[in-house]
Amino acid sequence: MVYVDTSVIVALLTVEPKTQDVTAWFAGLRDAPTCSDWLLTEFHSAISIKLRTRQISAANAKRVRKAFELLVDGGLRMVPVSRAAFSQAAIMTQQHAHGLCAGDSLHLAVALELGASHMASLDETLAANAQRNGMDLIGL
C-alpha cells in the first residue's frame, strides 16, 4: 500500500516545482493511493495559504478545490484517523530531533497503523522519518 501525504496532492492539483513528476507518477498508478482524512483539512489550508500569498487567484482556487473533491471521491482511498494514531503522532512530535511537525507526524502515524509499505511525500523530513520507520519511499 502506498500512503500519500498532502504535499503530493497539492503538487498534483496546483503548479509546484514537482507537479510534472507527481502527475506522471499518479497517472501510472494501478491502485489508488491511501491518505487519511487529515488531508481534507491540510489541503484546504494549503490552498488558503496560496490565496493569501497571491500564489493563486480566487478563480483558480475554486477550480482546484473542485478537482480535489473529485479526487477524494474517486482517486484516493481515504481512511479515518484513529485515536491511537493521534496518540502516536503526539509521541512522534516529542522526539524533537526527528523534526516532525504535527501534521506530518499524523500522516506517518496513520501510514504505520495501516501497515503501508511505501510513502509518497515531497517533504524531506516526513520522508526521512517514514524511512526510519521501515517504509520505502516513492521517488518523486
N, C-alpha and C. Protein backbone atom coordinates (compact mmCIF):
# COMPACT_ATOMS: atom_id res chain seq x y z
N MET A 1 0.84 -1.17 0.00
CA MET A 1 0.00 0.00 0.00
C MET A 1 0.89 1.24 0.00
N VAL A 2 0.51 2.21 -0.82
CA VAL A 2 1.21 3.48 -0.88
C VAL A 2 0.39 4.51 -0.12
N TYR A 3 1.01 5.14 0.86
CA TYR A 3 0.38 6.24 1.59
C TYR A 3 0.90 7.54 0.98
N VAL A 4 0.01 8.46 0.70
CA VAL A 4 0.38 9.73 0.09
C VAL A 4 0.04 10.87 1.05
N ASP A 5 0.96 11.82 1.19
CA ASP A 5 0.69 12.94 2.09
C ASP A 5 0.20 14.15 1.30
N THR A 6 -0.14 15.19 2.00
CA THR A 6 -0.75 16.38 1.41
C THR A 6 0.16 17.07 0.41
N SER A 7 1.47 17.07 0.64
CA SER A 7 2.37 17.76 -0.28
C SER A 7 2.26 17.22 -1.70
N VAL A 8 2.04 15.94 -1.83
CA VAL A 8 1.92 15.33 -3.15
C VAL A 8 0.62 15.76 -3.81
N ILE A 9 -0.46 15.79 -3.06
CA ILE A 9 -1.76 16.17 -3.62
C ILE A 9 -1.78 17.65 -4.00
N VAL A 10 -1.14 18.49 -3.20
CA VAL A 10 -1.04 19.91 -3.56
C VAL A 10 -0.27 20.05 -4.87
N ALA A 11 0.82 19.33 -5.02
CA ALA A 11 1.61 19.40 -6.25
C ALA A 11 0.84 18.81 -7.43
N LEU A 12 -0.01 17.84 -7.19
CA LEU A 12 -0.81 17.24 -8.25
C LEU A 12 -1.84 18.23 -8.81
N LEU A 13 -2.40 19.06 -7.93
CA LEU A 13 -3.53 19.90 -8.32
C LEU A 13 -3.19 21.38 -8.49
N THR A 14 -1.99 21.79 -8.14
CA THR A 14 -1.56 23.17 -8.35
C THR A 14 -0.20 23.15 -9.02
N VAL A 15 0.28 24.31 -9.38
CA VAL A 15 1.60 24.40 -10.02
C VAL A 15 2.66 24.52 -8.94
N GLU A 16 3.49 23.49 -8.87
CA GLU A 16 4.58 23.41 -7.91
C GLU A 16 5.81 22.91 -8.67
N PRO A 17 7.00 23.03 -8.06
CA PRO A 17 8.20 22.54 -8.76
C PRO A 17 8.13 21.07 -9.15
N LYS A 18 7.43 20.24 -8.40
CA LYS A 18 7.38 18.80 -8.68
C LYS A 18 6.08 18.35 -9.36
N THR A 19 5.29 19.29 -9.86
CA THR A 19 3.99 18.95 -10.43
C THR A 19 4.11 17.93 -11.57
N GLN A 20 5.04 18.13 -12.48
CA GLN A 20 5.18 17.18 -13.61
C GLN A 20 5.51 15.78 -13.13
N ASP A 21 6.44 15.68 -12.18
CA ASP A 21 6.82 14.37 -11.65
C ASP A 21 5.65 13.69 -10.95
N VAL A 22 4.93 14.44 -10.14
CA VAL A 22 3.79 13.88 -9.40
C VAL A 22 2.69 13.46 -10.37
N THR A 23 2.41 14.29 -11.36
CA THR A 23 1.36 13.98 -12.33
C THR A 23 1.69 12.69 -13.09
N ALA A 24 2.93 12.56 -13.52
CA ALA A 24 3.34 11.35 -14.23
C ALA A 24 3.23 10.12 -13.34
N TRP A 25 3.68 10.24 -12.10
CA TRP A 25 3.59 9.12 -11.17
C TRP A 25 2.14 8.73 -10.93
N PHE A 26 1.31 9.73 -10.67
CA PHE A 26 -0.08 9.46 -10.35
C PHE A 26 -0.80 8.81 -11.54
N ALA A 27 -0.50 9.27 -12.74
CA ALA A 27 -1.13 8.72 -13.94
C ALA A 27 -0.76 7.25 -14.15
N GLY A 28 0.40 6.85 -13.66
CA GLY A 28 0.86 5.48 -13.83
C GLY A 28 0.41 4.51 -12.75
N LEU A 29 -0.29 4.98 -11.76
CA LEU A 29 -0.74 4.11 -10.67
C LEU A 29 -1.83 3.15 -11.13
N ARG A 30 -1.74 1.92 -10.65
CA ARG A 30 -2.79 0.94 -10.92
C ARG A 30 -3.83 0.93 -9.80
N ASP A 31 -3.39 1.20 -8.58
CA ASP A 31 -4.29 1.23 -7.43
C ASP A 31 -4.27 2.62 -6.82
N ALA A 32 -5.40 3.03 -6.30
CA ALA A 32 -5.50 4.35 -5.65
C ALA A 32 -4.60 4.38 -4.41
N PRO A 33 -3.82 5.44 -4.25
CA PRO A 33 -3.03 5.56 -3.04
C PRO A 33 -3.94 5.87 -1.85
N THR A 34 -3.42 5.65 -0.67
CA THR A 34 -4.17 5.84 0.56
C THR A 34 -3.76 7.14 1.23
N CYS A 35 -4.72 7.80 1.83
CA CYS A 35 -4.46 9.00 2.62
C CYS A 35 -5.49 9.06 3.74
N SER A 36 -5.16 9.78 4.78
CA SER A 36 -6.09 9.90 5.89
C SER A 36 -7.00 11.11 5.71
N ASP A 37 -8.06 11.13 6.46
CA ASP A 37 -8.99 12.25 6.44
C ASP A 37 -8.32 13.57 6.82
N TRP A 38 -7.15 13.49 7.43
CA TRP A 38 -6.40 14.71 7.77
C TRP A 38 -6.12 15.52 6.50
N LEU A 39 -6.00 14.84 5.37
CA LEU A 39 -5.78 15.52 4.08
C LEU A 39 -6.84 16.58 3.82
N LEU A 40 -8.08 16.31 4.21
CA LEU A 40 -9.17 17.25 3.96
C LEU A 40 -8.87 18.62 4.55
N THR A 41 -8.42 18.66 5.77
CA THR A 41 -8.11 19.92 6.43
C THR A 41 -6.81 20.52 5.91
N GLU A 42 -5.79 19.70 5.82
CA GLU A 42 -4.48 20.21 5.45
C GLU A 42 -4.45 20.72 4.01
N PHE A 43 -5.14 20.06 3.10
CA PHE A 43 -5.17 20.52 1.71
C PHE A 43 -5.82 21.89 1.61
N HIS A 44 -6.98 22.04 2.23
CA HIS A 44 -7.68 23.33 2.16
C HIS A 44 -6.88 24.44 2.83
N SER A 45 -6.16 24.11 3.86
CA SER A 45 -5.27 25.09 4.49
C SER A 45 -4.18 25.53 3.51
N ALA A 46 -3.60 24.58 2.80
CA ALA A 46 -2.55 24.90 1.82
C ALA A 46 -3.08 25.80 0.72
N ILE A 47 -4.29 25.55 0.26
CA ILE A 47 -4.88 26.38 -0.79
C ILE A 47 -5.18 27.77 -0.25
N SER A 48 -5.64 27.86 0.97
CA SER A 48 -5.88 29.17 1.58
C SER A 48 -4.59 29.97 1.72
N ILE A 49 -3.51 29.29 2.06
CA ILE A 49 -2.20 29.96 2.15
C ILE A 49 -1.81 30.48 0.76
N LYS A 50 -2.01 29.67 -0.26
CA LYS A 50 -1.69 30.10 -1.62
C LYS A 50 -2.53 31.32 -2.02
N LEU A 51 -3.77 31.36 -1.59
CA LEU A 51 -4.62 32.53 -1.86
C LEU A 51 -4.11 33.76 -1.11
N ARG A 52 -3.84 33.61 0.17
CA ARG A 52 -3.38 34.76 0.98
C ARG A 52 -2.07 35.33 0.47
N THR A 53 -1.21 34.47 -0.03
CA THR A 53 0.11 34.91 -0.51
C THR A 53 0.10 35.21 -2.01
N ARG A 54 -1.08 35.20 -2.58
CA ARG A 54 -1.28 35.53 -4.00
C ARG A 54 -0.52 34.61 -4.96
N GLN A 55 -0.36 33.36 -4.56
CA GLN A 55 0.24 32.37 -5.46
C GLN A 55 -0.78 31.85 -6.46
N ILE A 56 -2.07 31.94 -6.08
CA ILE A 56 -3.15 31.55 -6.99
C ILE A 56 -4.28 32.56 -6.85
N SER A 57 -5.10 32.63 -7.87
CA SER A 57 -6.27 33.52 -7.86
C SER A 57 -7.45 32.82 -7.19
N ALA A 58 -8.46 33.58 -6.86
CA ALA A 58 -9.67 33.00 -6.28
C ALA A 58 -10.34 32.04 -7.26
N ALA A 59 -10.34 32.39 -8.54
CA ALA A 59 -10.94 31.51 -9.54
C ALA A 59 -10.17 30.20 -9.65
N ASN A 60 -8.86 30.29 -9.61
CA ASN A 60 -8.04 29.08 -9.68
C ASN A 60 -8.24 28.23 -8.43
N ALA A 61 -8.31 28.87 -7.28
CA ALA A 61 -8.54 28.14 -6.03
C ALA A 61 -9.87 27.38 -6.08
N LYS A 62 -10.88 28.01 -6.65
CA LYS A 62 -12.19 27.35 -6.77
C LYS A 62 -12.08 26.11 -7.67
N ARG A 63 -11.36 26.24 -8.79
CA ARG A 63 -11.15 25.12 -9.70
C ARG A 63 -10.37 24.00 -9.01
N VAL A 64 -9.33 24.36 -8.27
CA VAL A 64 -8.50 23.38 -7.57
C VAL A 64 -9.32 22.66 -6.51
N ARG A 65 -10.13 23.39 -5.79
CA ARG A 65 -10.96 22.76 -4.75
C ARG A 65 -11.96 21.78 -5.36
N LYS A 66 -12.51 22.11 -6.51
CA LYS A 66 -13.43 21.20 -7.20
C LYS A 66 -12.69 19.94 -7.65
N ALA A 67 -11.50 20.12 -8.21
CA ALA A 67 -10.69 18.97 -8.62
C ALA A 67 -10.33 18.10 -7.42
N PHE A 68 -10.08 18.72 -6.29
CA PHE A 68 -9.77 17.99 -5.07
C PHE A 68 -10.97 17.14 -4.64
N GLU A 69 -12.16 17.72 -4.67
CA GLU A 69 -13.36 16.97 -4.30
C GLU A 69 -13.52 15.73 -5.18
N LEU A 70 -13.29 15.90 -6.48
CA LEU A 70 -13.39 14.76 -7.40
C LEU A 70 -12.34 13.70 -7.09
N LEU A 71 -11.13 14.14 -6.77
CA LEU A 71 -10.06 13.21 -6.43
C LEU A 71 -10.39 12.43 -5.16
N VAL A 72 -10.87 13.12 -4.15
CA VAL A 72 -11.23 12.46 -2.89
C VAL A 72 -12.36 11.46 -3.11
N ASP A 73 -13.29 11.82 -4.00
CA ASP A 73 -14.44 10.94 -4.26
C ASP A 73 -14.08 9.71 -5.07
N GLY A 74 -12.95 9.73 -5.79
CA GLY A 74 -12.69 8.58 -6.63
C GLY A 74 -11.25 8.21 -6.89
N GLY A 75 -10.30 9.07 -6.57
CA GLY A 75 -8.92 8.78 -6.90
C GLY A 75 -8.02 8.46 -5.73
N LEU A 76 -8.57 8.51 -4.55
CA LEU A 76 -7.81 8.22 -3.34
C LEU A 76 -8.59 7.27 -2.45
N ARG A 77 -7.89 6.46 -1.72
CA ARG A 77 -8.52 5.63 -0.68
C ARG A 77 -8.38 6.42 0.61
N MET A 78 -9.46 6.98 1.09
CA MET A 78 -9.45 7.81 2.30
C MET A 78 -9.77 6.95 3.51
N VAL A 79 -8.99 7.15 4.59
CA VAL A 79 -9.21 6.39 5.82
C VAL A 79 -9.34 7.36 6.99
N PRO A 80 -10.13 7.00 8.00
CA PRO A 80 -10.26 7.86 9.18
C PRO A 80 -8.99 7.83 10.02
N VAL A 81 -8.83 8.86 10.81
CA VAL A 81 -7.71 8.94 11.75
C VAL A 81 -8.20 8.41 13.10
N SER A 82 -7.54 7.39 13.59
CA SER A 82 -7.93 6.79 14.86
C SER A 82 -7.35 7.57 16.04
N ARG A 83 -7.93 7.34 17.18
CA ARG A 83 -7.41 7.94 18.42
C ARG A 83 -5.97 7.46 18.66
N ALA A 84 -5.71 6.21 18.36
CA ALA A 84 -4.35 5.66 18.53
C ALA A 84 -3.35 6.39 17.64
N ALA A 85 -3.76 6.74 16.42
CA ALA A 85 -2.86 7.47 15.53
C ALA A 85 -2.56 8.86 16.07
N PHE A 86 -3.57 9.52 16.62
CA PHE A 86 -3.34 10.83 17.24
C PHE A 86 -2.35 10.70 18.40
N SER A 87 -2.51 9.66 19.19
CA SER A 87 -1.60 9.44 20.32
C SER A 87 -0.18 9.16 19.85
N GLN A 88 -0.05 8.32 18.82
CA GLN A 88 1.27 8.01 18.27
C GLN A 88 1.91 9.25 17.66
N ALA A 89 1.12 10.06 17.00
CA ALA A 89 1.65 11.31 16.41
C ALA A 89 2.15 12.24 17.51
N ALA A 90 1.45 12.30 18.62
CA ALA A 90 1.89 13.13 19.74
C ALA A 90 3.24 12.66 20.26
N ILE A 91 3.40 11.36 20.35
CA ILE A 91 4.69 10.81 20.80
C ILE A 91 5.79 11.16 19.80
N MET A 92 5.47 11.05 18.51
CA MET A 92 6.47 11.37 17.48
C MET A 92 6.92 12.83 17.56
N THR A 93 6.00 13.73 17.83
CA THR A 93 6.39 15.15 17.90
C THR A 93 7.26 15.45 19.11
N GLN A 94 7.22 14.60 20.11
CA GLN A 94 8.06 14.78 21.29
C GLN A 94 9.51 14.39 21.01
N GLN A 95 9.72 13.65 19.95
CA GLN A 95 11.08 13.27 19.56
C GLN A 95 11.64 14.40 18.68
N HIS A 96 11.97 15.50 19.32
CA HIS A 96 12.29 16.74 18.62
C HIS A 96 13.43 16.60 17.62
N ALA A 97 14.35 15.71 17.85
CA ALA A 97 15.48 15.53 16.94
C ALA A 97 15.03 15.02 15.57
N HIS A 98 13.86 14.39 15.51
CA HIS A 98 13.36 13.86 14.23
C HIS A 98 12.70 14.94 13.39
N GLY A 99 12.35 16.08 13.98
CA GLY A 99 11.87 17.25 13.25
C GLY A 99 10.46 17.20 12.70
N LEU A 100 9.65 16.27 13.14
CA LEU A 100 8.29 16.17 12.61
C LEU A 100 7.37 17.25 13.17
N CYS A 101 6.60 17.88 12.29
CA CYS A 101 5.54 18.79 12.74
C CYS A 101 4.29 17.95 13.00
N ALA A 102 3.28 18.58 13.56
CA ALA A 102 2.07 17.85 13.94
C ALA A 102 1.42 17.15 12.75
N GLY A 103 1.22 17.87 11.67
CA GLY A 103 0.54 17.28 10.51
C GLY A 103 1.29 16.11 9.92
N ASP A 104 2.59 16.25 9.79
CA ASP A 104 3.38 15.16 9.21
C ASP A 104 3.44 13.96 10.14
N SER A 105 3.50 14.21 11.44
CA SER A 105 3.51 13.09 12.37
C SER A 105 2.19 12.33 12.30
N LEU A 106 1.10 13.05 12.07
CA LEU A 106 -0.20 12.39 11.96
C LEU A 106 -0.27 11.54 10.69
N HIS A 107 0.21 12.07 9.57
CA HIS A 107 0.28 11.27 8.35
C HIS A 107 1.10 10.00 8.59
N LEU A 108 2.26 10.15 9.21
CA LEU A 108 3.13 9.00 9.42
C LEU A 108 2.49 7.98 10.37
N ALA A 109 1.87 8.45 11.43
CA ALA A 109 1.23 7.54 12.38
C ALA A 109 0.12 6.73 11.70
N VAL A 110 -0.67 7.39 10.86
CA VAL A 110 -1.73 6.66 10.15
C VAL A 110 -1.13 5.65 9.18
N ALA A 111 -0.12 6.06 8.44
CA ALA A 111 0.53 5.15 7.49
C ALA A 111 1.08 3.91 8.20
N LEU A 112 1.71 4.12 9.33
CA LEU A 112 2.26 3.00 10.09
C LEU A 112 1.15 2.11 10.65
N GLU A 113 0.11 2.73 11.15
CA GLU A 113 -1.02 1.97 11.70
C GLU A 113 -1.66 1.09 10.62
N LEU A 114 -1.70 1.59 9.39
CA LEU A 114 -2.29 0.84 8.29
C LEU A 114 -1.35 -0.22 7.71
N GLY A 115 -0.08 -0.13 8.09
CA GLY A 115 0.90 -1.06 7.55
C GLY A 115 1.31 -0.72 6.13
N ALA A 116 1.27 0.57 5.78
CA ALA A 116 1.68 1.00 4.44
C ALA A 116 3.13 0.61 4.19
N SER A 117 3.41 0.12 3.01
CA SER A 117 4.78 -0.27 2.67
C SER A 117 5.57 0.88 2.07
N HIS A 118 4.87 1.84 1.47
CA HIS A 118 5.52 2.96 0.78
C HIS A 118 4.91 4.29 1.21
N MET A 119 5.74 5.33 1.18
CA MET A 119 5.30 6.69 1.47
C MET A 119 5.63 7.55 0.26
N ALA A 120 4.64 8.31 -0.19
CA ALA A 120 4.85 9.32 -1.23
C ALA A 120 4.73 10.68 -0.56
N SER A 121 5.83 11.40 -0.52
CA SER A 121 5.85 12.72 0.12
C SER A 121 6.92 13.57 -0.54
N LEU A 122 6.65 14.86 -0.63
CA LEU A 122 7.64 15.82 -1.11
C LEU A 122 8.34 16.50 0.06
N ASP A 123 7.95 16.14 1.27
CA ASP A 123 8.53 16.70 2.48
C ASP A 123 9.71 15.83 2.91
N GLU A 124 10.89 16.39 2.91
CA GLU A 124 12.10 15.62 3.23
C GLU A 124 12.09 15.08 4.65
N THR A 125 11.59 15.84 5.59
CA THR A 125 11.57 15.39 6.99
C THR A 125 10.61 14.22 7.16
N LEU A 126 9.43 14.33 6.58
CA LEU A 126 8.47 13.23 6.66
C LEU A 126 9.05 11.99 5.97
N ALA A 127 9.63 12.18 4.80
CA ALA A 127 10.21 11.06 4.07
C ALA A 127 11.30 10.37 4.88
N ALA A 128 12.17 11.15 5.51
CA ALA A 128 13.24 10.57 6.32
C ALA A 128 12.67 9.78 7.50
N ASN A 129 11.62 10.29 8.11
CA ASN A 129 11.01 9.60 9.24
C ASN A 129 10.26 8.35 8.78
N ALA A 130 9.66 8.39 7.61
CA ALA A 130 9.00 7.20 7.08
C ALA A 130 10.04 6.11 6.84
N GLN A 131 11.16 6.50 6.26
CA GLN A 131 12.24 5.55 6.02
C GLN A 131 12.78 4.99 7.34
N ARG A 132 12.94 5.86 8.31
CA ARG A 132 13.43 5.45 9.63
C ARG A 132 12.51 4.40 10.25
N ASN A 133 11.23 4.47 9.87
CA ASN A 133 10.25 3.52 10.40
C ASN A 133 10.01 2.35 9.47
N GLY A 134 10.90 2.13 8.50
CA GLY A 134 10.85 0.94 7.67
C GLY A 134 10.04 1.03 6.40
N MET A 135 9.58 2.22 6.05
CA MET A 135 8.80 2.37 4.83
C MET A 135 9.72 2.71 3.66
N ASP A 136 9.38 2.21 2.49
CA ASP A 136 10.09 2.58 1.27
C ASP A 136 9.51 3.89 0.76
N LEU A 137 10.35 4.68 0.11
CA LEU A 137 9.91 5.97 -0.40
C LEU A 137 9.63 5.89 -1.90
N ILE A 138 8.62 6.62 -2.32
CA ILE A 138 8.34 6.80 -3.74
C ILE A 138 9.18 7.99 -4.19
N GLY A 139 10.05 7.79 -5.13
CA GLY A 139 10.91 8.87 -5.61
C GLY A 139 10.16 9.80 -6.54
N LEU A 140 9.92 11.00 -6.07
CA LEU A 140 9.21 11.99 -6.89
C LEU A 140 10.09 13.19 -7.14
